[in-house]
Structure formats: structure tokens, C-alpha cells
Amino acid sequence: MAFNADVKLDTLGLFCPMPIIKTSKKIKDLVVGQVLEVVSDDEGIKKDMPAWCETTGHEFLGLEEELNGRTMHYRTYVKKSK
């Protein structure tokens, strides 16, 4: 699955709840319709990001997992909806 993100947010090394807090702040800088890519190595983002999107009304587009050395990186994609 390939997504075209307008903005990328690196939250590597941060753990719950920081990736969601940073996402919440960053998405305010986007305009409706833009896509934010959030990169994290916190496995919790797999459940946290869809739940945050459901709560806030933004559209969760998907998740990609990629093994980077010994560390799994998660890329989530959120479309600003309001």
C-alpha cells in the first residue's frame, strides 16, 4: 500500500502517549484534506492511532510496518478531516 503524505512526523524513540500528543499538535498545522504520515517505533500506535482518529473525526488511512535493522517501524497515515 502506498500513501502520498503531505507532511511527515517523526516520533521514533517516543512512547505512549507522546506519538499521539505530537500528532494532535501537528495536524492543527495542516489544511483539510492533507495527509500526515506518523513514523513510530512504539507498537502501541497500531491501536492508538485508529482510536485517536475515531475520537477526533480525522480519517485513518492505514498502517505500514517495516523492519529497520532490529527495530520495527510503524508508519500511520491520517487525513485531516476537519
C-alpha atoms as a PDB file:
ATOM      1  CA  MET A   1       0.000   0.000   0.000  1.00  0.00           C
ATOM      2  CA  ALA A   2       1.460   3.364  -0.924  1.00  0.00           C
ATOM      3  CA  PHE A   3       0.256   6.623   0.546  1.00  0.00           C
ATOM      4  CA  ASN A   4       1.269  10.100  -0.513  1.00  0.00           C
ATOM      5  CA  ALA A   5       1.785  12.132   2.638  1.00  0.00           C
ATOM      6  CA  ASP A   6       1.873  15.907   2.588  1.00  0.00           C
ATOM      7  CA  VAL A   7       3.681  16.123   5.928  1.00  0.00           C
ATOM      8  CA  LYS A   8       5.830  13.643   7.850  1.00  0.00           C
ATOM      9  CA  LEU A   9       6.074  13.478  11.647  1.00  0.00           C
ATOM     10  CA  ASP A  10       8.955  11.501  13.181  1.00  0.00           C
ATOM     11  CA  THR A  11       8.115  10.134  16.636  1.00  0.00           C
ATOM     12  CA  LEU A  12      10.835   7.471  16.747  1.00  0.00           C
ATOM     13  CA  GLY A  13      12.036   6.828  20.283  1.00  0.00           C
ATOM     14  CA  LEU A  14       8.855   8.242  21.822  1.00  0.00           C
ATOM     15  CA  PHE A  15       6.377   6.064  23.648  1.00  0.00           C
ATOM     16  CA  CYS A  16       2.710   6.317  24.506  1.00  0.00           C
ATOM     17  CA  PRO A  17       1.176   8.828  24.740  1.00  0.00           C
ATOM     18  CA  MET A  18       3.758  11.081  23.034  1.00  0.00           C
ATOM     19  CA  PRO A  19       3.214   9.975  19.389  1.00  0.00           C
ATOM     20  CA  ILE A  20      -0.499  10.779  19.730  1.00  0.00           C
ATOM     21  CA  ILE A  21       0.161  14.078  21.528  1.00  0.00           C
ATOM     22  CA  LYS A  22       2.594  15.148  18.797  1.00  0.00           C
ATOM     23  CA  THR A  23       0.119  14.027  16.105  1.00  0.00           C
ATOM     24  CA  SER A  24      -2.623  16.089  17.731  1.00  0.00           C
ATOM     25  CA  LYS A  25      -0.416  19.195  17.681  1.00  0.00           C
ATOM     26  CA  LYS A  26       0.935  18.639  14.168  1.00  0.00           C
ATOM     27  CA  ILE A  27      -2.410  18.000  12.484  1.00  0.00           C
ATOM     28  CA  LYS A  28      -3.509  21.509  13.502  1.00  0.00           C
ATOM     29  CA  ASP A  29      -0.886  22.873  11.050  1.00  0.00           C
ATOM     30  CA  LEU A  30      -2.463  21.007   8.104  1.00  0.00           C
ATOM     31  CA  VAL A  31      -5.399  22.027   5.963  1.00  0.00           C
ATOM     32  CA  VAL A  32      -8.428  19.792   5.484  1.00  0.00           C
ATOM     33  CA  GLY A  33      -7.629  17.013   3.030  1.00  0.00           C
ATOM     34  CA  GLN A  34      -3.891  16.879   3.696  1.00  0.00           C
ATOM     35  CA  VAL A  35      -2.311  13.597   4.800  1.00  0.00           C
ATOM     36  CA  LEU A  36       0.027  13.261   7.780  1.00  0.00           C
ATOM     37  CA  GLU A  37       2.486  10.369   7.942  1.00  0.00           C
ATOM     38  CA  VAL A  38       3.497   9.487  11.508  1.00  0.00           C
ATOM     39  CA  VAL A  39       6.578   7.284  11.918  1.00  0.00           C
ATOM     40  CA  SER A  40       6.921   5.469  15.228  1.00  0.00           C
ATOM     41  CA  ASP A  41       8.718   2.527  16.784  1.00  0.00           C
ATOM     42  CA  ASP A  42       6.089   2.200  19.521  1.00  0.00           C
ATOM     43  CA  GLU A  43       3.890  -0.806  18.744  1.00  0.00           C
ATOM     44  CA  GLY A  44       1.059   0.824  20.686  1.00  0.00           C
ATOM     45  CA  ILE A  45       0.490   3.181  17.764  1.00  0.00           C
ATOM     46  CA  LYS A  46      -1.175   0.307  15.894  1.00  0.00           C
ATOM     47  CA  LYS A  47      -4.189   0.609  18.208  1.00  0.00           C
ATOM     48  CA  ASP A  48      -3.759   4.162  19.449  1.00  0.00           C
ATOM     49  CA  MET A  49      -3.844   5.950  16.082  1.00  0.00           C
ATOM     50  CA  PRO A  50      -7.086   4.406  14.778  1.00  0.00           C
ATOM     51  CA  ALA A  51      -8.701   5.072  18.173  1.00  0.00           C
ATOM     52  CA  TRP A  52      -7.483   8.688  18.166  1.00  0.00           C
ATOM     53  CA  CYS A  53      -8.838   9.187  14.641  1.00  0.00           C
ATOM     54  CA  GLU A  54     -12.214   7.797  15.629  1.00  0.00           C
ATOM     55  CA  THR A  55     -12.326  10.116  18.648  1.00  0.00           C
ATOM     56  CA  THR A  56     -11.222  13.257  16.787  1.00  0.00           C
ATOM     57  CA  GLY A  57     -13.021  12.718  13.479  1.00  0.00           C
ATOM     58  CA  HIS A  58      -9.901  12.519  11.315  1.00  0.00           C
ATOM     59  CA  GLU A  59      -9.635   9.712   8.758  1.00  0.00           C
ATOM     60  CA  PHE A  60      -7.271   6.834   9.485  1.00  0.00           C
ATOM     61  CA  LEU A  61      -5.955   5.761   6.070  1.00  0.00           C
ATOM     62  CA  GLY A  62      -3.740   2.880   7.062  1.00  0.00           C
ATOM     63  CA  LEU A  63      -0.614   1.453   8.607  1.00  0.00           C
ATOM     64  CA  GLU A  64       2.614   0.120   7.151  1.00  0.00           C
ATOM     65  CA  GLU A  65       5.148  -1.937   9.096  1.00  0.00           C
ATOM     66  CA  GLU A  66       8.812  -2.042   8.155  1.00  0.00           C
ATOM     67  CA  LEU A  67      11.689  -3.834   9.852  1.00  0.00           C
ATOM     68  CA  ASN A  68      14.592  -1.405  10.154  1.00  0.00           C
ATOM     69  CA  GLY A  69      17.570  -3.387  11.445  1.00  0.00           C
ATOM     70  CA  ARG A  70      16.218  -4.981  14.607  1.00  0.00           C
ATOM     71  CA  THR A  71      13.539  -2.376  15.169  1.00  0.00           C
ATOM     72  CA  MET A  72      10.051  -2.374  13.716  1.00  0.00           C
ATOM     73  CA  HIS A  73       8.959   0.987  12.355  1.00  0.00           C
ATOM     74  CA  TYR A  74       5.269   1.771  12.002  1.00  0.00           C
ATOM     75  CA  ARG A  75       4.025   4.339   9.515  1.00  0.00           C
ATOM     76  CA  THR A  76       0.485   5.506  10.050  1.00  0.00           C
ATOM     77  CA  TYR A  77      -1.390   7.796   7.695  1.00  0.00           C
ATOM     78  CA  VAL A  78      -4.047  10.246   8.820  1.00  0.00           C
ATOM     79  CA  LYS A  79      -6.122  12.540   6.611  1.00  0.00           C
ATOM     80  CA  LYS A  80      -7.205  15.787   8.211  1.00  0.00           C
ATOM     81  CA  SER A  81     -10.989  15.823   8.006  1.00  0.00           C
ATOM     82  CA  LYS A  82     -11.986  18.959   9.847  1.00  0.00           C
END
